[in-house]
Amino acid sequence: MPGMLEKSASEADKHLSDITAIVCSQDHVFTSGGDGTVKVWTKDLSLTKEIAVHEGWIYAMAADSHGRIYTSSSDGTIRCLPNPLQSNEIKELVKCGDDIESLFVDSKDNLYSGDDKGIVTMWVDHRMKFKFNLAEEVRSLAIQNNIIYSIRENDLTITEVLEGSANGRYMTKASIPGRCPVALCGSCTNGVNSNVAIATRDGHGIVFIKNSAKEQYRVLWTKEKAHDMIINCLLGADEYIFSAGYDGFVKQWLSADKEPKLLAEVNLGGGCLNAVQLGADNCTVYAGGSDGILKLVKFS
């Protein structure tokens, strides 16, 4: 099937531990690692700089439209790189005793964080605005408009933040069996994607959901055994879904209302994959995992 590993970063430039997250921003690629660093790359995988951001494992990373990079770590902090291309400046938003495992920036540049206690926090202009106690560990997180999609090992929870609320009131709209990660996918209309994807309970398959409260967030299809091992990464891009995980494969799927079609798969070797991110088009994917090496994959 079409799809190939086009390039790998230099062995000398790799992270000293796992690559844990990848984001693309300001025409560059950013990777975070278990070594506590953020590395900045050109689109063709030339390393431009490295910033020591945390003293521990970096769990998650997100970028806003201004090019600011946010990271969370096992050291209990959320930190911000205000201008990572020009400066090594680091600002700390919070330090606590919790593991902040997920980050997400919405279309209005508001930052959300999710922790191991089930607390989702909304940040506006680097200030804490609301806290939502969703009761279950937040391993993966997405937000669109006033809807929060949060998930751990058991079930996707879809939560509506009530409009006009001054104190962050919310209600649960749906709970769908599955496990992390969660990804928004499909076409986007008025700022809302048509679909949501999660992994199946055993982690080997993909669940494709209609992102509509009117349709009660119904499951459109479930692809069992999409991977031989647990899926760590899901990524939506128009009609495509990309998946990756412990088996070292990146797979490209054509989504549809009734069933998916496997278009391509690439075995990257080097162990478990923890992160994938789209490049400038829907056929370029950056991937990283346990070997600490950033890889560029092309799909036709």
Protein backbone atom coordinates (compact mmCIF):
# COMPACT_ATOMS: atom_id res chain seq x y z
CA MET A 1 0.00 0.00 0.00
CA PRO A 2 1.20 3.60 -0.63
CA GLY A 3 3.03 5.28 2.21
CA MET A 4 6.68 5.52 3.13
CA LEU A 5 9.15 6.75 5.71
CA GLU A 6 10.65 9.72 3.92
CA LYS A 7 13.17 10.86 6.52
CA SER A 8 14.37 10.34 10.09
CA ALA A 9 16.07 12.94 12.24
CA SER A 10 19.73 12.48 13.03
CA GLU A 11 20.62 10.01 15.78
CA ALA A 12 22.76 12.74 17.33
CA ASP A 13 19.73 15.08 17.59
CA LYS A 14 17.27 12.66 19.16
CA HIS A 15 15.60 13.03 22.57
CA LEU A 16 17.36 11.17 25.38
CA SER A 17 14.06 9.50 26.21
CA ASP A 18 10.67 8.99 24.50
CA ILE A 19 9.13 11.61 22.27
CA THR A 20 5.87 12.29 24.10
CA ALA A 21 4.13 14.94 21.96
CA ILE A 22 4.46 16.74 18.62
CA VAL A 23 2.93 20.04 17.47
CA CYS A 24 3.38 22.07 14.29
CA SER A 25 3.45 25.85 14.69
CA GLN A 26 4.93 28.86 12.88
CA ASP A 27 6.20 26.70 10.02
CA HIS A 28 8.23 24.56 12.47
CA VAL A 29 7.83 21.23 14.24
CA PHE A 30 8.09 21.00 18.03
CA THR A 31 8.72 17.78 19.95
CA SER A 32 8.63 17.20 23.70
CA GLY A 33 10.28 14.34 25.50
CA GLY A 34 10.62 12.27 28.61
CA ASP A 35 13.94 14.08 29.02
CA GLY A 36 12.08 17.31 29.89
CA THR A 37 13.17 19.14 26.75
CA VAL A 38 11.36 20.74 23.82
CA LYS A 39 13.17 20.53 20.50
CA VAL A 40 12.46 22.84 17.56
CA TRP A 41 12.82 21.47 14.02
CA THR A 42 12.42 22.69 10.48
CA LYS A 43 9.79 20.90 8.43
CA ASP A 44 12.51 18.71 6.87
CA LEU A 45 13.80 17.62 10.32
CA SER A 46 16.81 19.87 10.80
CA LEU A 47 17.19 20.65 14.51
CA THR A 48 17.31 24.41 15.15
CA LYS A 49 17.34 24.53 18.96
CA GLU A 50 16.62 22.68 22.20
CA ILE A 51 15.07 24.16 25.36
CA ALA A 52 15.23 22.51 28.78
CA VAL A 53 11.69 23.24 29.98
CA HIS A 54 11.01 20.76 32.79
CA GLU A 55 12.83 18.73 35.41
CA GLY A 56 10.69 15.67 34.66
CA TRP A 57 8.80 13.78 31.97
CA ILE A 58 6.71 15.99 29.68
CA TYR A 59 3.20 14.57 29.41
CA ALA A 60 1.58 16.92 26.90
CA MET A 61 2.18 19.90 24.63
CA ALA A 62 -0.08 22.37 22.80
CA ALA A 63 0.34 25.52 20.68
CA ASP A 64 -1.87 28.56 20.16
CA SER A 65 -2.28 30.78 17.11
CA HIS A 66 0.33 33.23 18.43
CA GLY A 67 3.04 30.57 18.41
CA ARG A 68 3.13 30.11 22.18
CA ILE A 69 3.96 26.55 23.25
CA TYR A 70 2.48 25.04 26.43
CA THR A 71 3.82 21.94 28.19
CA SER A 72 2.83 19.93 31.26
CA SER A 73 5.06 17.58 33.20
CA SER A 74 5.48 15.04 35.98
CA ASP A 75 7.07 17.89 37.96
CA GLY A 76 3.53 19.20 38.52
CA THR A 77 3.82 22.32 36.38
CA ILE A 78 2.33 23.87 33.27
CA ARG A 79 4.86 26.07 31.52
CA CYS A 80 4.73 28.38 28.52
CA LEU A 81 7.32 29.24 25.89
CA PRO A 82 6.06 32.70 24.79
CA ASN A 83 8.32 32.98 21.74
CA PRO A 84 10.27 29.74 21.30
CA LEU A 85 11.72 30.59 17.88
CA GLN A 86 13.39 33.75 19.15
CA SER A 87 13.88 33.17 22.88
CA ASN A 88 14.41 30.49 25.54
CA GLU A 89 12.12 32.33 27.96
CA ILE A 90 9.94 30.05 30.10
CA LYS A 91 6.89 31.16 32.10
CA GLU A 92 5.22 28.98 34.71
CA LEU A 93 1.40 29.02 34.84
CA VAL A 94 0.94 26.70 37.81
CA LYS A 95 2.79 24.30 40.10
CA CYS A 96 0.83 21.64 41.96
CA GLY A 97 1.00 18.10 43.26
CA ASP A 98 -1.09 16.58 40.47
CA ASP A 99 -0.07 14.94 37.20
CA ILE A 100 -1.37 17.21 34.43
CA GLU A 101 -1.59 14.65 31.64
CA SER A 102 -3.38 16.49 28.83
CA LEU A 103 -3.45 19.95 27.23
CA PHE A 104 -5.63 21.44 24.51
CA VAL A 105 -5.92 24.92 22.95
CA ASP A 106 -9.33 25.79 21.50
CA SER A 107 -10.14 28.02 18.52
CA LYS A 108 -10.22 31.11 20.77
CA ASP A 109 -6.72 30.38 22.10
CA ASN A 110 -8.04 29.34 25.52
CA LEU A 111 -5.90 26.66 27.15
CA TYR A 112 -7.42 23.62 28.86
CA SER A 113 -5.58 21.16 31.08
CA GLY A 114 -6.67 17.78 32.43
CA ASP A 115 -5.14 15.96 35.40
CA ASP A 116 -5.06 12.56 37.07
CA LYS A 117 -7.78 13.61 39.56
CA GLY A 118 -10.32 14.32 36.82
CA ILE A 119 -10.07 18.12 36.97
CA VAL A 120 -10.28 20.04 33.69
CA THR A 121 -9.09 23.63 34.08
CA MET A 122 -9.80 26.43 31.63
CA TRP A 123 -7.13 29.14 31.30
CA VAL A 124 -7.78 32.55 29.72
CA ASP A 125 -4.79 34.87 29.17
CA HIS A 126 -2.71 32.59 31.40
CA ARG A 127 -5.16 32.97 34.28
CA MET A 128 -7.26 30.15 35.69
CA LYS A 129 -10.94 30.82 34.89
CA PHE A 130 -12.96 27.65 35.57
CA LYS A 131 -12.39 24.18 37.01
CA PHE A 132 -14.58 21.27 36.02
CA ASN A 133 -14.49 18.13 38.18
CA LEU A 134 -15.20 15.30 35.76
CA ALA A 135 -14.36 12.68 38.42
CA GLU A 136 -12.19 10.49 36.18
CA GLU A 137 -8.55 10.82 35.16
CA VAL A 138 -8.16 12.93 31.99
CA ARG A 139 -5.61 11.17 29.80
CA SER A 140 -6.74 12.79 26.55
CA LEU A 141 -8.73 15.95 25.93
CA ALA A 142 -10.40 17.96 23.16
CA ILE A 143 -12.66 21.03 23.22
CA GLN A 144 -14.94 22.62 20.63
CA ASN A 145 -17.21 25.55 21.38
CA ASN A 146 -18.72 24.67 24.77
CA ILE A 147 -18.21 20.90 24.56
CA ILE A 148 -15.44 19.02 26.40
CA TYR A 149 -14.39 15.56 25.18
CA SER A 150 -12.36 13.76 27.87
CA ILE A 151 -11.22 10.16 28.19
CA ARG A 152 -8.96 7.75 30.09
CA GLU A 153 -8.90 3.91 29.93
CA ASN A 154 -12.68 3.62 30.26
CA ASP A 155 -15.22 5.62 28.26
CA LEU A 156 -15.36 8.93 26.44
CA THR A 157 -17.24 11.55 28.44
CA ILE A 158 -18.87 14.38 26.47
CA THR A 159 -19.60 17.38 28.69
CA GLU A 160 -21.46 20.58 27.84
CA VAL A 161 -20.39 23.78 29.59
CA LEU A 162 -23.63 25.71 30.10
CA GLU A 163 -23.66 28.97 28.20
CA GLY A 164 -23.97 32.13 30.28
CA SER A 165 -22.71 30.35 33.37
CA ALA A 166 -20.63 32.58 35.62
CA ASN A 167 -19.26 29.72 37.70
CA GLY A 168 -18.45 27.05 35.15
CA ARG A 169 -21.59 24.90 35.44
CA TYR A 170 -21.77 21.91 33.13
CA MET A 171 -23.70 18.72 32.36
CA THR A 172 -22.74 15.34 30.95
CA LYS A 173 -24.24 14.77 27.50
CA ALA A 174 -22.96 11.28 26.66
CA SER A 175 -20.68 8.47 27.75
CA ILE A 176 -19.32 6.13 25.07
CA PRO A 177 -17.33 2.93 25.77
CA GLY A 178 -13.70 3.13 24.72
CA ARG A 179 -10.33 4.41 25.86
CA CYS A 180 -7.85 7.17 25.11
CA PRO A 181 -6.88 8.87 22.90
CA VAL A 182 -9.68 11.09 21.57
CA ALA A 183 -9.43 12.97 18.26
CA LEU A 184 -11.73 15.39 16.48
CA CYS A 185 -12.07 14.47 12.82
CA GLY A 186 -14.19 14.79 9.71
CA SER A 187 -15.31 18.00 8.03
CA CYS A 188 -15.56 21.19 10.07
CA THR A 189 -18.69 23.41 9.91
CA ASN A 190 -19.10 26.53 12.04
CA GLY A 191 -16.10 25.49 14.10
CA VAL A 192 -17.37 21.99 14.88
CA ASN A 193 -15.99 18.75 13.45
CA SER A 194 -18.49 16.22 12.15
CA ASN A 195 -16.93 13.26 13.96
CA VAL A 196 -14.96 12.09 16.97
CA ALA A 197 -12.67 9.05 17.13
CA ILE A 198 -11.49 7.05 20.15
CA ALA A 199 -9.85 3.67 20.69
CA THR A 200 -11.86 0.60 21.63
CA ARG A 201 -11.81 -0.68 25.22
CA ASP A 202 -9.00 -3.16 24.45
CA GLY A 203 -7.01 -0.41 22.72
CA HIS A 204 -6.59 -2.32 19.45
CA GLY A 205 -9.52 -0.85 17.50
CA ILE A 206 -11.07 2.47 16.48
CA VAL A 207 -14.55 3.80 17.33
CA PHE A 208 -15.98 6.44 14.96
CA ILE A 209 -18.70 8.67 16.43
CA LYS A 210 -21.16 11.18 14.98
CA ASN A 211 -20.36 14.47 16.73
CA SER A 212 -23.97 15.56 17.16
CA ALA A 213 -26.06 15.98 20.30
CA LYS A 214 -29.19 15.75 18.15
CA GLU A 215 -28.09 12.29 17.03
CA GLN A 216 -27.05 11.39 20.61
CA TYR A 217 -23.41 10.98 19.62
CA ARG A 218 -24.16 7.65 18.00
CA VAL A 219 -21.39 5.25 17.00
CA LEU A 220 -21.16 5.05 13.20
CA TRP A 221 -18.69 2.16 13.09
CA THR A 222 -16.19 0.21 15.14
CA LYS A 223 -13.06 -1.23 13.55
CA GLU A 224 -11.82 -4.06 15.76
CA LYS A 225 -8.16 -5.11 15.54
CA ALA A 226 -7.10 -2.03 13.62
CA HIS A 227 -3.65 -2.63 15.19
CA ASP A 228 -2.02 -5.73 16.64
CA MET A 229 -1.07 -3.78 19.75
CA ILE A 230 -2.50 -0.86 21.74
CA ILE A 231 -3.21 2.39 19.88
CA ASN A 232 -1.59 5.47 21.47
CA CYS A 233 -2.32 8.05 18.76
CA LEU A 234 -5.34 9.07 16.69
CA LEU A 235 -5.37 12.01 14.32
CA GLY A 236 -8.23 13.33 12.17
CA ALA A 237 -7.81 15.14 8.85
CA ASP A 238 -10.94 15.69 6.77
CA GLU A 239 -11.91 12.24 5.48
CA TYR A 240 -8.76 10.57 6.86
CA ILE A 241 -7.89 9.08 10.23
CA PHE A 242 -4.29 8.28 11.17
CA SER A 243 -3.53 5.80 13.93
CA ALA A 244 -0.32 4.61 15.60
CA GLY A 245 0.80 2.78 18.70
CA TYR A 246 2.87 0.08 20.34
CA ASP A 247 3.30 -1.95 17.14
CA GLY A 248 5.32 0.84 15.49
CA PHE A 249 2.91 1.23 12.55
CA VAL A 250 1.34 4.45 11.30
CA LYS A 251 -1.88 3.68 9.43
CA GLN A 252 -4.02 5.88 7.20
CA TRP A 253 -7.76 5.17 7.06
CA LEU A 254 -10.47 6.54 4.81
CA SER A 255 -13.43 7.15 7.09
CA ALA A 256 -17.05 6.72 6.02
CA ASP A 257 -20.43 6.46 7.72
CA LYS A 258 -20.56 2.67 7.52
CA GLU A 259 -17.00 1.35 7.65
CA PRO A 260 -13.38 2.50 7.28
CA LYS A 261 -10.94 1.52 4.56
CA LEU A 262 -7.23 1.01 5.23
CA LEU A 263 -5.39 3.08 2.62
CA ALA A 264 -1.79 2.71 3.74
CA GLU A 265 0.45 1.53 6.57
CA VAL A 266 4.10 2.22 7.33
CA ASN A 267 6.21 0.25 9.80
CA LEU A 268 8.59 2.73 11.41
CA GLY A 269 10.34 0.22 13.65
CA GLY A 270 12.14 1.60 16.67
CA GLY A 271 9.47 0.51 19.14
CA CYS A 272 6.30 2.16 20.45
CA LEU A 273 4.90 5.32 18.85
CA ASN A 274 3.55 7.93 21.29
CA ALA A 275 2.75 10.92 19.08
CA VAL A 276 1.71 11.79 15.52
CA GLN A 277 0.98 15.20 14.00
CA LEU A 278 -0.09 16.43 10.57
CA GLY A 279 2.26 18.50 8.47
CA ALA A 280 1.26 21.15 5.96
CA ASP A 281 -1.08 18.80 4.10
CA ASN A 282 -3.22 15.77 4.86
CA CYS A 283 -0.58 13.40 3.51
CA THR A 284 2.41 14.39 5.67
CA VAL A 285 2.69 12.98 9.19
CA TYR A 286 5.38 13.50 11.83
CA ALA A 287 5.76 10.62 14.28
CA GLY A 288 7.83 9.90 17.38
CA GLY A 289 8.09 7.38 20.15
CA SER A 290 10.27 5.31 22.41
CA ASP A 291 13.47 5.64 20.35
CA GLY A 292 13.40 9.45 20.70
CA ILE A 293 13.82 10.01 16.95
CA LEU A 294 11.46 12.26 14.98
CA LYS A 295 10.29 10.73 11.70
CA LEU A 296 8.61 12.13 8.61
CA VAL A 297 6.07 9.88 6.86
CA LYS A 298 4.51 10.57 3.47
CA PHE A 299 1.20 9.13 2.25
CA SER A 300 0.10 9.45 -1.37
